[in-house]
Amino acid sequence: MLHPDLARALAAAHIEDLHRAAARRDTIRLARRVAHEPHVAATPVATLRSASTRLRGRARGGLLGG
């Protein structure tokens, strides 16, 4: 017979394993669904944000490159 604390710890570990496996399945399912969706053109706002981010990255690099 297992000590009650050990039995409780094993049960908790098993439940955590089940949660991790479920999260992994959900992630894979979402990735497959996204991969099969048709690609949509970027919205003008997204395009501007992307350009702004690139420009800020260059400005930060400066002369030191970092």
PDB file of N, CA and C in Angstrom:
ATOM      1  N   MET A   1       0.848  -1.187   0.000  1.00  0.00           N
ATOM      2  CA  MET A   1       0.000   0.000   0.000  1.00  0.00           C
ATOM      3  C   MET A   1       0.885   1.239   0.000  1.00  0.00           C
ATOM      4  N   LEU A   2       0.513   2.184  -0.874  1.00  0.00           N
ATOM      5  CA  LEU A   2       1.284   3.418  -0.975  1.00  0.00           C
ATOM      6  C   LEU A   2       0.922   4.373   0.150  1.00  0.00           C
ATOM      7  N   HIS A   3       1.908   5.143   0.516  1.00  0.00           N
ATOM      8  CA  HIS A   3       1.664   6.208   1.487  1.00  0.00           C
ATOM      9  C   HIS A   3       0.686   7.200   0.847  1.00  0.00           C
ATOM     10  N   PRO A   4      -0.254   7.746   1.607  1.00  0.00           N
ATOM     11  CA  PRO A   4      -1.259   8.661   1.035  1.00  0.00           C
ATOM     12  C   PRO A   4      -0.654   9.866   0.315  1.00  0.00           C
ATOM     13  N   ASP A   5       0.436  10.417   0.848  1.00  0.00           N
ATOM     14  CA  ASP A   5       1.073  11.565   0.193  1.00  0.00           C
ATOM     15  C   ASP A   5       1.676  11.168  -1.155  1.00  0.00           C
ATOM     16  N   LEU A   6       2.268   9.978  -1.204  1.00  0.00           N
ATOM     17  CA  LEU A   6       2.849   9.491  -2.447  1.00  0.00           C
ATOM     18  C   LEU A   6       1.752   9.221  -3.478  1.00  0.00           C
ATOM     19  N   ALA A   7       0.665   8.610  -3.040  1.00  0.00           N
ATOM     20  CA  ALA A   7      -0.451   8.341  -3.941  1.00  0.00           C
ATOM     21  C   ALA A   7      -1.023   9.656  -4.495  1.00  0.00           C
ATOM     22  N   ARG A   8      -1.129  10.662  -3.635  1.00  0.00           N
ATOM     23  CA  ARG A   8      -1.645  11.963  -4.054  1.00  0.00           C
ATOM     24  C   ARG A   8      -0.691  12.612  -5.061  1.00  0.00           C
ATOM     25  N   ALA A   9       0.620  12.520  -4.819  1.00  0.00           N
ATOM     26  CA  ALA A   9       1.612  13.097  -5.721  1.00  0.00           C
ATOM     27  C   ALA A   9       1.582  12.394  -7.083  1.00  0.00           C
ATOM     28  N   LEU A  10       1.451  11.083  -7.071  1.00  0.00           N
ATOM     29  CA  LEU A  10       1.373  10.341  -8.331  1.00  0.00           C
ATOM     30  C   LEU A  10       0.113  10.709  -9.108  1.00  0.00           C
ATOM     31  N   ALA A  11      -0.992  10.862  -8.424  1.00  0.00           N
ATOM     32  CA  ALA A  11      -2.242  11.250  -9.083  1.00  0.00           C
ATOM     33  C   ALA A  11      -2.124  12.653  -9.678  1.00  0.00           C
ATOM     34  N   ALA A  12      -1.515  13.568  -8.941  1.00  0.00           N
ATOM     35  CA  ALA A  12      -1.338  14.931  -9.445  1.00  0.00           C
ATOM     36  C   ALA A  12      -0.432  14.943 -10.672  1.00  0.00           C
ATOM     37  N   ALA A  13       0.634  14.155 -10.635  1.00  0.00           N
ATOM     38  CA  ALA A  13       1.550  14.081 -11.779  1.00  0.00           C
ATOM     39  C   ALA A  13       0.828  13.502 -12.996  1.00  0.00           C
ATOM     40  N   HIS A  14       0.000  12.504 -12.773  1.00  0.00           N
ATOM     41  CA  HIS A  14      -0.752  11.902 -13.877  1.00  0.00           C
ATOM     42  C   HIS A  14      -1.715  12.914 -14.494  1.00  0.00           C
ATOM     43  N   ILE A  15      -2.385  13.678 -13.665  1.00  0.00           N
ATOM     44  CA  ILE A  15      -3.318  14.696 -14.170  1.00  0.00           C
ATOM     45  C   ILE A  15      -2.556  15.767 -14.956  1.00  0.00           C
ATOM     46  N   GLU A  16      -1.389  16.179 -14.460  1.00  0.00           N
ATOM     47  CA  GLU A  16      -0.578  17.157 -15.186  1.00  0.00           C
ATOM     48  C   GLU A  16      -0.159  16.609 -16.548  1.00  0.00           C
ATOM     49  N   ASP A  17       0.212  15.332 -16.598  1.00  0.00           N
ATOM     50  CA  ASP A  17       0.565  14.703 -17.876  1.00  0.00           C
ATOM     51  C   ASP A  17      -0.620  14.731 -18.840  1.00  0.00           C
ATOM     52  N   LEU A  18      -1.808  14.440 -18.324  1.00  0.00           N
ATOM     53  CA  LEU A  18      -3.004  14.472 -19.172  1.00  0.00           C
ATOM     54  C   LEU A  18      -3.266  15.875 -19.700  1.00  0.00           C
ATOM     55  N   HIS A  19      -3.084  16.887 -18.855  1.00  0.00           N
ATOM     56  CA  HIS A  19      -3.280  18.275 -19.288  1.00  0.00           C
ATOM     57  C   HIS A  19      -2.261  18.672 -20.350  1.00  0.00           C
ATOM     58  N   ARG A  20      -1.001  18.282 -20.154  1.00  0.00           N
ATOM     59  CA  ARG A  20       0.031  18.590 -21.148  1.00  0.00           C
ATOM     60  C   ARG A  20      -0.271  17.932 -22.488  1.00  0.00           C
ATOM     61  N   ALA A  21      -0.711  16.671 -22.441  1.00  0.00           N
ATOM     62  CA  ALA A  21      -1.039  15.959 -23.677  1.00  0.00           C
ATOM     63  C   ALA A  21      -2.222  16.626 -24.380  1.00  0.00           C
ATOM     64  N   ALA A  22      -3.214  17.050 -23.625  1.00  0.00           N
ATOM     65  CA  ALA A  22      -4.371  17.724 -24.219  1.00  0.00           C
ATOM     66  C   ALA A  22      -3.954  19.049 -24.842  1.00  0.00           C
ATOM     67  N   ALA A  23      -3.098  19.789 -24.170  1.00  0.00           N
ATOM     68  CA  ALA A  23      -2.628  21.066 -24.710  1.00  0.00           C
ATOM     69  C   ALA A  23      -1.829  20.842 -25.987  1.00  0.00           C
ATOM     70  N   ARG A  24      -1.018  19.803 -26.015  1.00  0.00           N
ATOM     71  CA  ARG A  24      -0.234  19.485 -27.211  1.00  0.00           C
ATOM     72  C   ARG A  24      -1.166  19.142 -28.373  1.00  0.00           C
ATOM     73  N   ARG A  25      -2.192  18.329 -28.092  1.00  0.00           N
ATOM     74  CA  ARG A  25      -3.157  17.982 -29.148  1.00  0.00           C
ATOM     75  C   ARG A  25      -3.868  19.225 -29.663  1.00  0.00           C
ATOM     76  N   ASP A  26      -4.263  20.115 -28.751  1.00  0.00           N
ATOM     77  CA  ASP A  26      -4.945  21.349 -29.163  1.00  0.00           C
ATOM     78  C   ASP A  26      -4.031  22.216 -30.029  1.00  0.00           C
ATOM     79  N   THR A  27      -2.763  22.302 -29.648  1.00  0.00           N
ATOM     80  CA  THR A  27      -1.811  23.105 -30.413  1.00  0.00           C
ATOM     81  C   THR A  27      -1.637  22.530 -31.813  1.00  0.00           C
ATOM     82  N   ILE A  28      -1.496  21.217 -31.906  1.00  0.00           N
ATOM     83  CA  ILE A  28      -1.328  20.568 -33.205  1.00  0.00           C
ATOM     84  C   ILE A  28      -2.577  20.757 -34.051  1.00  0.00           C
ATOM     85  N   ARG A  29      -3.735  20.605 -33.439  1.00  0.00           N
ATOM     86  CA  ARG A  29      -4.997  20.770 -34.163  1.00  0.00           C
ATOM     87  C   ARG A  29      -5.119  22.195 -34.701  1.00  0.00           C
ATOM     88  N   LEU A  30      -4.773  23.182 -33.876  1.00  0.00           N
ATOM     89  CA  LEU A  30      -4.838  24.575 -34.307  1.00  0.00           C
ATOM     90  C   LEU A  30      -3.845  24.838 -35.442  1.00  0.00           C
ATOM     91  N   ALA A  31      -2.627  24.308 -35.316  1.00  0.00           N
ATOM     92  CA  ALA A  31      -1.613  24.517 -36.352  1.00  0.00           C
ATOM     93  C   ALA A  31      -2.068  23.916 -37.681  1.00  0.00           C
ATOM     94  N   ARG A  32      -2.666  22.740 -37.633  1.00  0.00           N
ATOM     95  CA  ARG A  32      -3.153  22.122 -38.875  1.00  0.00           C
ATOM     96  C   ARG A  32      -4.276  22.937 -39.482  1.00  0.00           C
ATOM     97  N   ARG A  33      -5.168  23.438 -38.632  1.00  0.00           N
ATOM     98  CA  ARG A  33      -6.294  24.226 -39.141  1.00  0.00           C
ATOM     99  C   ARG A  33      -5.791  25.517 -39.783  1.00  0.00           C
ATOM    100  N   VAL A  34      -4.834  26.178 -39.138  1.00  0.00           N
ATOM    101  CA  VAL A  34      -4.291  27.420 -39.679  1.00  0.00           C
ATOM    102  C   VAL A  34      -3.544  27.152 -40.982  1.00  0.00           C
ATOM    103  N   ALA A  35      -2.825  26.036 -41.050  1.00  0.00           N
ATOM    104  CA  ALA A  35      -2.053  25.712 -42.251  1.00  0.00           C
ATOM    105  C   ALA A  35      -2.962  25.494 -43.451  1.00  0.00           C
ATOM    106  N   HIS A  36      -4.187  25.038 -43.230  1.00  0.00           N
ATOM    107  CA  HIS A  36      -5.093  24.759 -44.336  1.00  0.00           C
ATOM    108  C   HIS A  36      -6.011  25.921 -44.682  1.00  0.00           C
ATOM    109  N   GLU A  37      -5.962  27.004 -43.898  1.00  0.00           N
ATOM    110  CA  GLU A  37      -6.794  28.165 -44.212  1.00  0.00           C
ATOM    111  C   GLU A  37      -6.189  28.918 -45.386  1.00  0.00           C
ATOM    112  N   PRO A  38      -7.041  29.503 -46.238  1.00  0.00           N
ATOM    113  CA  PRO A  38      -6.488  30.307 -47.333  1.00  0.00           C
ATOM    114  C   PRO A  38      -5.797  31.544 -46.767  1.00  0.00           C
ATOM    115  N   HIS A  39      -4.718  31.943 -47.407  1.00  0.00           N
ATOM    116  CA  HIS A  39      -3.987  33.126 -46.948  1.00  0.00           C
ATOM    117  C   HIS A  39      -4.753  34.380 -47.340  1.00  0.00           C
ATOM    118  N   VAL A  40      -4.819  35.306 -46.408  1.00  0.00           N
ATOM    119  CA  VAL A  40      -5.548  36.549 -46.630  1.00  0.00           C
ATOM    120  C   VAL A  40      -4.537  37.679 -46.710  1.00  0.00           C
ATOM    121  N   ALA A  41      -4.761  38.608 -47.608  1.00  0.00           N
ATOM    122  CA  ALA A  41      -3.852  39.745 -47.739  1.00  0.00           C
ATOM    123  C   ALA A  41      -3.843  40.549 -46.439  1.00  0.00           C
ATOM    124  N   ALA A  42      -2.701  41.100 -46.130  1.00  0.00           N
ATOM    125  CA  ALA A  42      -2.571  41.897 -44.911  1.00  0.00           C
ATOM    126  C   ALA A  42      -3.402  43.167 -45.026  1.00  0.00           C
ATOM    127  N   THR A  43      -3.964  43.581 -43.932  1.00  0.00           N
ATOM    128  CA  THR A  43      -4.732  44.816 -43.912  1.00  0.00           C
ATOM    129  C   THR A  43      -3.767  45.999 -43.947  1.00  0.00           C
ATOM    130  N   PRO A  44      -4.218  47.153 -44.382  1.00  0.00           N
ATOM    131  CA  PRO A  44      -3.322  48.323 -44.426  1.00  0.00           C
ATOM    132  C   PRO A  44      -2.704  48.645 -43.065  1.00  0.00           C
ATOM    133  N   VAL A  45      -3.489  48.473 -41.986  1.00  0.00           N
ATOM    134  CA  VAL A  45      -2.955  48.779 -40.650  1.00  0.00           C
ATOM    135  C   VAL A  45      -1.828  47.817 -40.310  1.00  0.00           C
ATOM    136  N   ALA A  46      -2.028  46.537 -40.614  1.00  0.00           N
ATOM    137  CA  ALA A  46      -0.982  45.554 -40.329  1.00  0.00           C
ATOM    138  C   ALA A  46       0.270  45.849 -41.139  1.00  0.00           C
ATOM    139  N   THR A  47       0.106  46.271 -42.380  1.00  0.00           N
ATOM    140  CA  THR A  47       1.247  46.603 -43.222  1.00  0.00           C
ATOM    141  C   THR A  47       2.012  47.788 -42.634  1.00  0.00           C
ATOM    142  N   LEU A  48       1.294  48.810 -42.187  1.00  0.00           N
ATOM    143  CA  LEU A  48       1.947  49.978 -41.597  1.00  0.00           C
ATOM    144  C   LEU A  48       2.667  49.617 -40.307  1.00  0.00           C
ATOM    145  N   ARG A  49       2.029  48.790 -39.485  1.00  0.00           N
ATOM    146  CA  ARG A  49       2.679  48.393 -38.228  1.00  0.00           C
ATOM    147  C   ARG A  49       3.947  47.615 -38.512  1.00  0.00           C
ATOM    148  N   SER A  50       3.887  46.732 -39.502  1.00  0.00           N
ATOM    149  CA  SER A  50       5.049  45.935 -39.844  1.00  0.00           C
ATOM    150  C   SER A  50       6.188  46.837 -40.313  1.00  0.00           C
ATOM    151  N   ALA A  51       5.876  47.802 -41.177  1.00  0.00           N
ATOM    152  CA  ALA A  51       6.903  48.719 -41.664  1.00  0.00           C
ATOM    153  C   ALA A  51       7.470  49.545 -40.520  1.00  0.00           C
ATOM    154  N   SER A  52       6.601  49.990 -39.630  1.00  0.00           N
ATOM    155  CA  SER A  52       7.041  50.788 -38.491  1.00  0.00           C
ATOM    156  C   SER A  52       7.987  49.979 -37.607  1.00  0.00           C
ATOM    157  N   THR A  53       7.665  48.718 -37.383  1.00  0.00           N
ATOM    158  CA  THR A  53       8.506  47.860 -36.552  1.00  0.00           C
ATOM    159  C   THR A  53       9.872  47.670 -37.193  1.00  0.00           C
ATOM    160  N   ARG A  54       9.897  47.465 -38.507  1.00  0.00           N
ATOM    161  CA  ARG A  54      11.181  47.294 -39.196  1.00  0.00           C
ATOM    162  C   ARG A  54      12.026  48.558 -39.092  1.00  0.00           C
ATOM    163  N   LEU A  55      11.392  49.706 -39.263  1.00  0.00           N
ATOM    164  CA  LEU A  55      12.138  50.955 -39.187  1.00  0.00           C
ATOM    165  C   LEU A  55      12.697  51.190 -37.787  1.00  0.00           C
ATOM    166  N   ARG A  56      11.904  50.897 -36.777  1.00  0.00           N
ATOM    167  CA  ARG A  56      12.394  51.068 -35.403  1.00  0.00           C
ATOM    168  C   ARG A  56      13.565  50.138 -35.140  1.00  0.00           C
ATOM    169  N   GLY A  57      13.506  48.923 -35.676  1.00  0.00           N
ATOM    170  CA  GLY A  57      14.610  47.979 -35.490  1.00  0.00           C
ATOM    171  C   GLY A  57      15.891  48.500 -36.085  1.00  0.00           C
ATOM    172  N   ARG A  58      15.816  49.129 -37.259  1.00  0.00           N
ATOM    173  CA  ARG A  58      17.010  49.700 -37.898  1.00  0.00           C
ATOM    174  C   ARG A  58      17.539  50.865 -37.095  1.00  0.00           C
ATOM    175  N   ALA A  59      16.627  51.689 -36.572  1.00  0.00           N
ATOM    176  CA  ALA A  59      17.055  52.861 -35.802  1.00  0.00           C
ATOM    177  C   ALA A  59      17.771  52.417 -34.533  1.00  0.00           C
ATOM    178  N   ARG A  60      17.317  51.346 -33.915  1.00  0.00           N
ATOM    179  CA  ARG A  60      17.948  50.857 -32.690  1.00  0.00           C
ATOM    180  C   ARG A  60      19.335  50.310 -32.964  1.00  0.00           C
ATOM    181  N   GLY A  61      19.503  49.691 -34.143  1.00  0.00           N
ATOM    182  CA  GLY A  61      20.804  49.109 -34.477  1.00  0.00           C
ATOM    183  C   GLY A  61      21.892  50.158 -34.497  1.00  0.00           C
ATOM    184  N   GLY A  62      21.591  51.296 -35.063  1.00  0.00           N
ATOM    185  CA  GLY A  62      22.518  52.428 -35.085  1.00  0.00           C
ATOM    186  C   GLY A  62      23.901  52.042 -35.565  1.00  0.00           C
ATOM    187  N   LEU A  63      24.883  52.748 -35.046  1.00  0.00           N
ATOM    188  CA  LEU A  63      26.253  52.514 -35.456  1.00  0.00           C
ATOM    189  C   LEU A  63      26.859  51.274 -34.829  1.00  0.00           C
ATOM    190  N   LEU A  64      26.320  50.884 -33.686  1.00  0.00           N
ATOM    191  CA  LEU A  64      26.891  49.737 -32.972  1.00  0.00           C
ATOM    192  C   LEU A  64      26.338  48.421 -33.489  1.00  0.00           C
ATOM    193  N   GLY A  65      25.248  48.456 -34.271  1.00  0.00           N
ATOM    194  CA  GLY A  65      24.701  47.237 -34.851  1.00  0.00           C
ATOM    195  C   GLY A  65      23.972  46.361 -33.869  1.00  0.00           C
ATOM    196  N   GLY A  66      23.522  46.897 -32.766  1.00  0.00           N
ATOM    197  CA  GLY A  66      22.900  46.007 -31.808  1.00  0.00           C
ATOM    198  C   GLY A  66      21.687  46.560 -31.233  1.00  0.00           C
TER     199      GLY A  66
END
